[in-house]
N, C-alpha and C. Protein backbone atom coordinates (compact mmCIF):
# COMPACT_ATOMS: atom_id res chain seq x y z
N MET A 1 -8.61 18.93 6.68
CA MET A 1 -7.80 20.09 6.41
C MET A 1 -6.39 19.65 6.07
N ILE A 2 -5.75 20.34 5.17
CA ILE A 2 -4.37 20.02 4.78
C ILE A 2 -3.44 20.93 5.57
N SER A 3 -2.35 20.36 6.04
CA SER A 3 -1.39 21.12 6.83
C SER A 3 -0.72 22.20 5.97
N PRO A 4 -0.10 23.19 6.64
CA PRO A 4 0.64 24.20 5.88
C PRO A 4 1.73 23.58 5.00
N GLN A 5 2.24 22.41 5.41
CA GLN A 5 3.26 21.74 4.62
C GLN A 5 2.63 20.98 3.46
N GLY A 6 1.30 20.79 3.49
CA GLY A 6 0.58 20.16 2.39
C GLY A 6 0.61 18.65 2.38
N TYR A 7 1.02 17.98 3.45
CA TYR A 7 1.15 16.53 3.40
C TYR A 7 0.17 15.78 4.29
N PHE A 8 -0.63 16.43 5.06
CA PHE A 8 -1.50 15.73 6.00
C PHE A 8 -2.95 16.09 5.75
N ARG A 9 -3.78 15.09 5.56
CA ARG A 9 -5.22 15.32 5.45
C ARG A 9 -5.88 14.50 6.55
N MET A 10 -6.59 15.18 7.41
CA MET A 10 -7.21 14.51 8.53
C MET A 10 -8.46 13.77 8.07
N GLY A 11 -8.54 12.51 8.42
CA GLY A 11 -9.69 11.70 8.05
C GLY A 11 -10.80 11.81 9.06
N SER A 12 -11.91 11.18 8.78
CA SER A 12 -13.03 11.22 9.68
C SER A 12 -13.73 9.88 9.59
N PRO A 13 -14.27 9.30 10.64
CA PRO A 13 -14.10 9.75 12.01
C PRO A 13 -12.79 9.22 12.60
N THR A 14 -12.18 9.98 13.42
CA THR A 14 -10.95 9.55 14.07
C THR A 14 -10.73 10.35 15.34
N ARG A 15 -10.04 9.77 16.28
CA ARG A 15 -9.61 10.51 17.46
C ARG A 15 -8.30 11.17 17.10
N HIS A 16 -8.11 12.36 17.57
CA HIS A 16 -6.87 13.05 17.24
C HIS A 16 -6.47 13.94 18.39
N LEU A 17 -5.21 13.95 18.69
CA LEU A 17 -4.67 14.78 19.75
C LEU A 17 -4.10 16.05 19.13
N PHE A 18 -4.66 17.20 19.48
CA PHE A 18 -4.25 18.47 18.87
C PHE A 18 -3.26 19.19 19.78
N PHE A 19 -2.03 19.32 19.32
CA PHE A 19 -1.04 20.09 20.05
C PHE A 19 -0.87 21.48 19.46
N THR A 20 -1.11 21.60 18.18
CA THR A 20 -0.98 22.89 17.50
C THR A 20 -2.29 23.24 16.81
N ASP A 21 -2.45 24.51 16.43
CA ASP A 21 -3.69 24.95 15.81
C ASP A 21 -3.72 24.77 14.30
N TRP A 22 -2.62 24.35 13.66
CA TRP A 22 -2.63 24.28 12.20
C TRP A 22 -3.60 23.25 11.66
N GLU A 23 -4.01 22.28 12.50
CA GLU A 23 -4.97 21.27 12.06
C GLU A 23 -6.43 21.69 12.27
N ILE A 24 -6.65 22.80 12.95
CA ILE A 24 -8.00 23.22 13.30
C ILE A 24 -8.41 24.40 12.42
N GLU A 25 -9.46 24.19 11.63
CA GLU A 25 -9.95 25.26 10.76
C GLU A 25 -10.81 26.24 11.55
N LYS A 26 -11.77 25.74 12.35
CA LYS A 26 -12.64 26.58 13.17
C LYS A 26 -12.76 25.94 14.55
N LEU A 27 -12.65 26.74 15.59
CA LEU A 27 -12.77 26.22 16.94
C LEU A 27 -14.23 26.01 17.33
N GLY A 28 -15.12 26.85 16.87
CA GLY A 28 -16.55 26.68 17.14
C GLY A 28 -16.91 26.55 18.61
N GLY A 29 -16.33 27.34 19.47
CA GLY A 29 -16.63 27.30 20.90
C GLY A 29 -15.81 26.29 21.68
N ALA A 30 -14.99 25.52 20.98
CA ALA A 30 -14.14 24.55 21.67
C ALA A 30 -13.01 25.26 22.40
N ARG A 31 -12.53 24.65 23.44
CA ARG A 31 -11.46 25.22 24.24
C ARG A 31 -10.41 24.15 24.50
N ARG A 32 -9.16 24.53 24.35
CA ARG A 32 -8.06 23.59 24.63
C ARG A 32 -7.87 23.51 26.14
N ARG A 33 -7.79 22.24 26.64
CA ARG A 33 -7.54 22.03 28.06
C ARG A 33 -6.34 21.13 28.21
N TRP A 34 -5.42 21.52 29.05
CA TRP A 34 -4.25 20.71 29.34
C TRP A 34 -4.46 20.07 30.71
N HIS A 35 -4.20 18.81 30.80
CA HIS A 35 -4.35 18.10 32.05
C HIS A 35 -2.97 17.79 32.61
N SER A 36 -2.88 17.81 33.91
CA SER A 36 -1.61 17.53 34.57
C SER A 36 -1.23 16.07 34.41
N LEU A 37 0.04 15.83 34.25
CA LEU A 37 0.55 14.47 34.21
C LEU A 37 0.85 14.01 35.62
N GLU A 38 0.78 12.73 35.81
CA GLU A 38 1.13 12.16 37.09
C GLU A 38 2.33 11.26 36.90
N LYS A 39 3.44 11.62 37.51
CA LYS A 39 4.63 10.78 37.40
C LYS A 39 4.52 9.67 38.42
N ARG A 40 4.64 8.45 37.92
CA ARG A 40 4.54 7.29 38.78
C ARG A 40 5.94 6.91 39.28
N PRO A 41 6.03 6.38 40.48
CA PRO A 41 7.35 6.01 41.02
C PRO A 41 8.01 4.85 40.28
N GLU A 42 7.19 3.99 39.67
CA GLU A 42 7.70 2.81 38.96
C GLU A 42 7.09 2.77 37.56
N PRO A 43 7.77 2.13 36.61
CA PRO A 43 7.17 1.95 35.27
C PRO A 43 5.89 1.11 35.38
N VAL A 44 4.95 1.32 34.46
CA VAL A 44 3.72 0.53 34.49
C VAL A 44 3.95 -0.88 33.98
N LEU A 45 5.04 -1.09 33.27
CA LEU A 45 5.35 -2.42 32.76
C LEU A 45 6.86 -2.64 32.84
N LYS A 46 7.24 -3.71 33.53
CA LYS A 46 8.66 -4.06 33.67
C LYS A 46 8.86 -5.48 33.16
N PRO A 47 10.07 -5.81 32.72
CA PRO A 47 10.34 -7.19 32.29
C PRO A 47 10.13 -8.18 33.44
N GLU A 48 9.36 -9.23 33.15
CA GLU A 48 9.11 -10.25 34.16
C GLU A 48 9.32 -11.66 33.61
N ALA A 49 8.98 -11.84 32.34
CA ALA A 49 9.04 -13.17 31.73
C ALA A 49 10.42 -13.44 31.15
N PRO A 50 10.81 -14.71 31.04
CA PRO A 50 12.14 -15.05 30.51
C PRO A 50 12.40 -14.49 29.11
N TRP A 51 11.39 -14.48 28.22
CA TRP A 51 11.59 -13.96 26.86
C TRP A 51 11.72 -12.44 26.83
N GLU A 52 11.36 -11.78 27.92
CA GLU A 52 11.48 -10.32 27.97
C GLU A 52 12.90 -9.88 28.35
N GLY A 53 13.64 -10.77 28.94
CA GLY A 53 15.00 -10.43 29.35
C GLY A 53 15.02 -9.25 30.29
N LYS A 54 15.92 -8.30 30.05
CA LYS A 54 16.04 -7.12 30.92
C LYS A 54 15.54 -5.85 30.26
N ILE A 55 15.18 -5.94 28.97
CA ILE A 55 14.82 -4.73 28.23
C ILE A 55 13.48 -4.92 27.52
N ILE A 56 12.49 -4.08 27.88
CA ILE A 56 11.25 -3.99 27.11
C ILE A 56 10.98 -2.52 26.87
N TYR A 57 10.36 -2.24 25.73
CA TYR A 57 10.02 -0.84 25.46
C TYR A 57 8.84 -0.76 24.50
N ALA A 58 8.11 0.33 24.63
CA ALA A 58 6.96 0.57 23.77
C ALA A 58 6.97 2.03 23.35
N TYR A 59 6.87 2.25 22.07
CA TYR A 59 6.73 3.60 21.54
C TYR A 59 6.22 3.52 20.12
N GLY A 60 5.84 4.65 19.55
CA GLY A 60 5.40 4.65 18.16
C GLY A 60 3.94 4.28 17.98
N GLY A 61 3.09 4.61 18.94
CA GLY A 61 1.67 4.36 18.76
C GLY A 61 1.26 2.93 19.00
N SER A 62 1.89 2.26 19.94
CA SER A 62 1.57 0.85 20.15
C SER A 62 0.60 0.61 21.30
N LEU A 63 0.02 1.67 21.87
CA LEU A 63 -1.04 1.51 22.87
C LEU A 63 -2.35 1.80 22.17
N LEU A 64 -3.19 0.78 22.04
CA LEU A 64 -4.44 0.90 21.31
C LEU A 64 -5.63 0.76 22.22
N ASP A 65 -6.63 1.58 21.98
CA ASP A 65 -7.90 1.46 22.68
C ASP A 65 -8.57 0.21 22.15
N ASP A 66 -8.85 -0.74 23.03
CA ASP A 66 -9.46 -2.01 22.62
C ASP A 66 -10.91 -1.77 22.24
N LEU A 67 -11.26 -1.98 20.99
CA LEU A 67 -12.59 -1.67 20.50
C LEU A 67 -13.68 -2.56 21.07
N SER A 68 -13.31 -3.61 21.77
CA SER A 68 -14.31 -4.48 22.40
C SER A 68 -14.69 -3.95 23.79
N SER A 69 -14.23 -2.75 24.12
CA SER A 69 -14.53 -2.09 25.40
C SER A 69 -13.90 -2.79 26.60
N ARG A 70 -12.85 -3.53 26.36
CA ARG A 70 -12.16 -4.20 27.47
C ARG A 70 -11.04 -3.34 28.05
N GLY A 71 -10.71 -2.24 27.43
CA GLY A 71 -9.63 -1.40 27.93
C GLY A 71 -8.61 -1.10 26.86
N TYR A 72 -7.36 -1.38 27.16
CA TYR A 72 -6.25 -1.04 26.27
C TYR A 72 -5.41 -2.26 25.96
N ARG A 73 -4.78 -2.22 24.78
CA ARG A 73 -3.82 -3.24 24.38
C ARG A 73 -2.49 -2.54 24.13
N LEU A 74 -1.46 -2.99 24.79
CA LEU A 74 -0.13 -2.42 24.64
C LEU A 74 0.75 -3.45 23.95
N TYR A 75 1.26 -3.08 22.79
CA TYR A 75 2.21 -3.92 22.08
C TYR A 75 3.60 -3.38 22.36
N TYR A 76 4.49 -4.22 22.83
CA TYR A 76 5.82 -3.76 23.20
C TYR A 76 6.88 -4.73 22.69
N THR A 77 8.08 -4.23 22.59
CA THR A 77 9.21 -5.03 22.12
C THR A 77 9.98 -5.54 23.32
N ALA A 78 10.26 -6.82 23.32
CA ALA A 78 11.08 -7.45 24.36
C ALA A 78 12.38 -7.88 23.70
N MET A 79 13.48 -7.51 24.32
CA MET A 79 14.78 -7.79 23.73
C MET A 79 15.27 -9.21 24.01
N GLY A 80 14.41 -10.04 24.56
CA GLY A 80 14.80 -11.43 24.79
C GLY A 80 15.87 -11.53 25.85
N HIS A 81 16.98 -12.05 25.49
CA HIS A 81 18.05 -12.27 26.45
C HIS A 81 19.12 -11.19 26.39
N GLY A 82 18.82 -10.05 25.78
CA GLY A 82 19.78 -8.96 25.75
C GLY A 82 20.01 -8.45 24.35
N LEU A 83 20.75 -7.38 24.25
CA LEU A 83 21.04 -6.77 22.96
C LEU A 83 21.74 -7.74 22.03
N GLY A 84 21.35 -7.73 20.78
CA GLY A 84 21.97 -8.61 19.81
C GLY A 84 21.36 -10.00 19.77
N LYS A 85 20.35 -10.24 20.58
CA LYS A 85 19.66 -11.54 20.61
C LYS A 85 18.28 -11.39 19.98
N ARG A 86 17.55 -12.46 19.88
CA ARG A 86 16.21 -12.47 19.28
C ARG A 86 15.29 -11.48 19.98
N SER A 87 14.47 -10.76 19.19
CA SER A 87 13.48 -9.83 19.73
C SER A 87 12.08 -10.39 19.56
N TYR A 88 11.18 -9.98 20.43
CA TYR A 88 9.80 -10.44 20.41
C TYR A 88 8.87 -9.25 20.54
N VAL A 89 7.74 -9.30 19.86
CA VAL A 89 6.68 -8.33 20.08
C VAL A 89 5.67 -9.04 20.97
N CYS A 90 5.30 -8.39 22.05
CA CYS A 90 4.42 -8.98 23.05
C CYS A 90 3.20 -8.10 23.29
N LEU A 91 2.18 -8.68 23.89
CA LEU A 91 0.94 -7.98 24.17
C LEU A 91 0.70 -7.94 25.67
N ALA A 92 0.32 -6.75 26.16
CA ALA A 92 -0.15 -6.59 27.54
C ALA A 92 -1.49 -5.88 27.47
N GLU A 93 -2.41 -6.26 28.34
CA GLU A 93 -3.74 -5.67 28.34
C GLU A 93 -4.02 -4.98 29.67
N SER A 94 -4.86 -3.94 29.60
CA SER A 94 -5.17 -3.18 30.79
C SER A 94 -6.58 -2.60 30.69
N THR A 95 -7.26 -2.54 31.81
CA THR A 95 -8.57 -1.88 31.83
C THR A 95 -8.44 -0.41 32.18
N ASP A 96 -7.33 -0.02 32.80
CA ASP A 96 -7.18 1.38 33.23
C ASP A 96 -5.96 2.09 32.65
N GLY A 97 -5.12 1.40 31.89
CA GLY A 97 -3.93 2.02 31.31
C GLY A 97 -2.77 2.13 32.27
N VAL A 98 -2.92 1.60 33.46
CA VAL A 98 -1.86 1.65 34.48
C VAL A 98 -1.45 0.25 34.92
N HIS A 99 -2.42 -0.61 35.14
CA HIS A 99 -2.15 -1.98 35.58
C HIS A 99 -2.33 -2.91 34.38
N PHE A 100 -1.27 -3.62 34.03
CA PHE A 100 -1.28 -4.46 32.84
C PHE A 100 -1.13 -5.93 33.19
N ASN A 101 -1.77 -6.79 32.41
CA ASN A 101 -1.54 -8.22 32.53
C ASN A 101 -1.09 -8.74 31.18
N ARG A 102 -0.41 -9.84 31.21
CA ARG A 102 0.13 -10.46 30.00
C ARG A 102 -0.70 -11.71 29.69
N PRO A 103 -1.57 -11.63 28.68
CA PRO A 103 -2.41 -12.80 28.38
C PRO A 103 -1.60 -13.95 27.81
N ASP A 104 -2.02 -15.14 28.12
CA ASP A 104 -1.38 -16.36 27.61
C ASP A 104 -1.97 -16.64 26.23
N LEU A 105 -1.22 -16.37 25.17
CA LEU A 105 -1.75 -16.44 23.81
C LEU A 105 -1.52 -17.78 23.12
N GLY A 106 -0.46 -18.48 23.47
CA GLY A 106 -0.20 -19.80 22.89
C GLY A 106 0.11 -19.80 21.40
N GLU A 107 0.62 -18.70 20.87
CA GLU A 107 0.87 -18.58 19.43
C GLU A 107 2.31 -18.94 19.03
N PHE A 108 3.28 -18.56 19.85
CA PHE A 108 4.68 -18.76 19.49
C PHE A 108 5.40 -19.52 20.60
N GLU A 109 6.39 -20.29 20.17
CA GLU A 109 7.14 -21.10 21.11
C GLU A 109 8.34 -20.34 21.65
N PHE A 110 8.57 -20.50 22.95
CA PHE A 110 9.77 -19.99 23.59
C PHE A 110 10.24 -21.07 24.56
N ASP A 111 11.48 -21.52 24.40
CA ASP A 111 12.04 -22.60 25.22
C ASP A 111 11.12 -23.82 25.28
N GLY A 112 10.54 -24.18 24.13
CA GLY A 112 9.72 -25.38 24.04
C GLY A 112 8.30 -25.24 24.55
N LYS A 113 7.88 -24.05 24.96
CA LYS A 113 6.52 -23.85 25.48
C LYS A 113 5.84 -22.71 24.73
N THR A 114 4.52 -22.75 24.69
CA THR A 114 3.77 -21.69 24.03
C THR A 114 2.92 -20.87 25.01
N ASP A 115 3.09 -21.08 26.30
CA ASP A 115 2.34 -20.29 27.28
C ASP A 115 3.06 -18.96 27.51
N ASN A 116 2.79 -18.02 26.60
CA ASN A 116 3.42 -16.70 26.65
C ASN A 116 2.53 -15.68 25.96
N ASN A 117 2.94 -14.44 25.97
CA ASN A 117 2.18 -13.34 25.36
C ASN A 117 2.86 -12.80 24.10
N ILE A 118 3.64 -13.64 23.44
CA ILE A 118 4.35 -13.24 22.23
C ILE A 118 3.38 -13.22 21.05
N VAL A 119 3.37 -12.11 20.29
CA VAL A 119 2.52 -12.01 19.10
C VAL A 119 3.34 -12.02 17.82
N TYR A 120 4.66 -11.85 17.94
CA TYR A 120 5.52 -11.82 16.74
C TYR A 120 6.95 -12.11 17.17
N VAL A 121 7.63 -12.95 16.40
CA VAL A 121 9.04 -13.23 16.64
C VAL A 121 9.83 -12.61 15.49
N SER A 122 10.76 -11.76 15.82
CA SER A 122 11.56 -11.09 14.80
C SER A 122 12.41 -12.10 14.04
N PRO A 123 12.39 -12.05 12.70
CA PRO A 123 13.24 -12.97 11.93
C PRO A 123 14.72 -12.59 12.05
N ASP A 124 14.98 -11.36 12.40
CA ASP A 124 16.35 -10.90 12.60
C ASP A 124 16.70 -11.02 14.07
N GLU A 125 17.95 -10.75 14.37
CA GLU A 125 18.35 -10.86 15.76
C GLU A 125 17.84 -9.71 16.61
N GLN A 126 17.53 -8.58 16.01
CA GLN A 126 17.08 -7.46 16.81
C GLN A 126 16.05 -6.64 16.04
N LEU A 127 14.91 -6.38 16.66
CA LEU A 127 13.86 -5.56 16.10
C LEU A 127 14.06 -4.14 16.61
N ALA A 128 14.27 -3.20 15.69
CA ALA A 128 14.61 -1.84 16.09
C ALA A 128 13.41 -1.03 16.54
N SER A 129 12.28 -1.17 15.87
CA SER A 129 11.11 -0.39 16.26
C SER A 129 9.84 -1.15 15.92
N LEU A 130 8.73 -0.65 16.42
CA LEU A 130 7.47 -1.36 16.30
C LEU A 130 6.35 -0.36 16.04
N CYS A 131 5.48 -0.71 15.13
CA CYS A 131 4.27 0.09 14.90
C CYS A 131 3.14 -0.90 14.61
N VAL A 132 2.08 -0.83 15.37
CA VAL A 132 0.95 -1.73 15.21
C VAL A 132 -0.19 -0.97 14.55
N VAL A 133 -0.76 -1.55 13.52
CA VAL A 133 -1.90 -0.96 12.83
C VAL A 133 -3.06 -1.93 12.94
N TRP A 134 -4.19 -1.47 13.44
CA TRP A 134 -5.37 -2.30 13.58
C TRP A 134 -6.26 -2.08 12.38
N ASP A 135 -6.68 -3.15 11.72
CA ASP A 135 -7.55 -3.06 10.55
C ASP A 135 -8.83 -3.83 10.85
N GLY A 136 -9.90 -3.10 11.14
CA GLY A 136 -11.17 -3.72 11.48
C GLY A 136 -11.85 -4.42 10.31
N THR A 137 -11.33 -4.24 9.10
CA THR A 137 -11.93 -4.89 7.93
C THR A 137 -11.15 -6.11 7.47
N ASP A 138 -10.10 -6.48 8.20
CA ASP A 138 -9.31 -7.64 7.81
C ASP A 138 -10.20 -8.88 7.77
N PRO A 139 -10.18 -9.66 6.67
CA PRO A 139 -11.04 -10.84 6.58
C PRO A 139 -10.67 -11.95 7.56
N ASP A 140 -9.45 -11.92 8.10
CA ASP A 140 -9.04 -12.92 9.08
C ASP A 140 -9.46 -12.43 10.47
N ALA A 141 -10.49 -13.04 11.05
CA ALA A 141 -11.04 -12.61 12.33
C ALA A 141 -10.00 -12.64 13.46
N ARG A 142 -9.02 -13.54 13.40
CA ARG A 142 -8.00 -13.62 14.44
C ARG A 142 -7.16 -12.35 14.50
N ARG A 143 -6.99 -11.68 13.36
CA ARG A 143 -6.18 -10.47 13.33
C ARG A 143 -6.99 -9.23 13.72
N ARG A 144 -8.28 -9.37 13.92
CA ARG A 144 -9.12 -8.25 14.34
C ARG A 144 -9.36 -8.28 15.84
N MET A 145 -8.80 -9.27 16.53
CA MET A 145 -9.03 -9.43 17.97
C MET A 145 -8.18 -8.48 18.76
């Protein structure tokens, strides 16, 4: 269906979160259900590693359902040693979406070592935002993991 603004066509098959009815042509017996949120006393992910510095953040669709049925993959930005310094994109994995671990990927060097969860090093001093797109048809198997 195309939105009233004419710019969105919903593809299939896809998961989609419906907040408004403009995307729904026919309900067909479906019912909207809102679930209560649970506010946690602490963030689910806090800076712990030296490359994460004091600031990490994730937004813009960077929590992906892991298609291998292992849970979730969260891609987040780490500000390194503070604002104006090198930024890193890192990976955290979770089976429940609440408890995350940082896998040792060995891809990028930080302070002479590669035992970290860095998946991308910003060529600039600061990475402003992040959006991860998963392509299951990529010919490079390492990028489909």
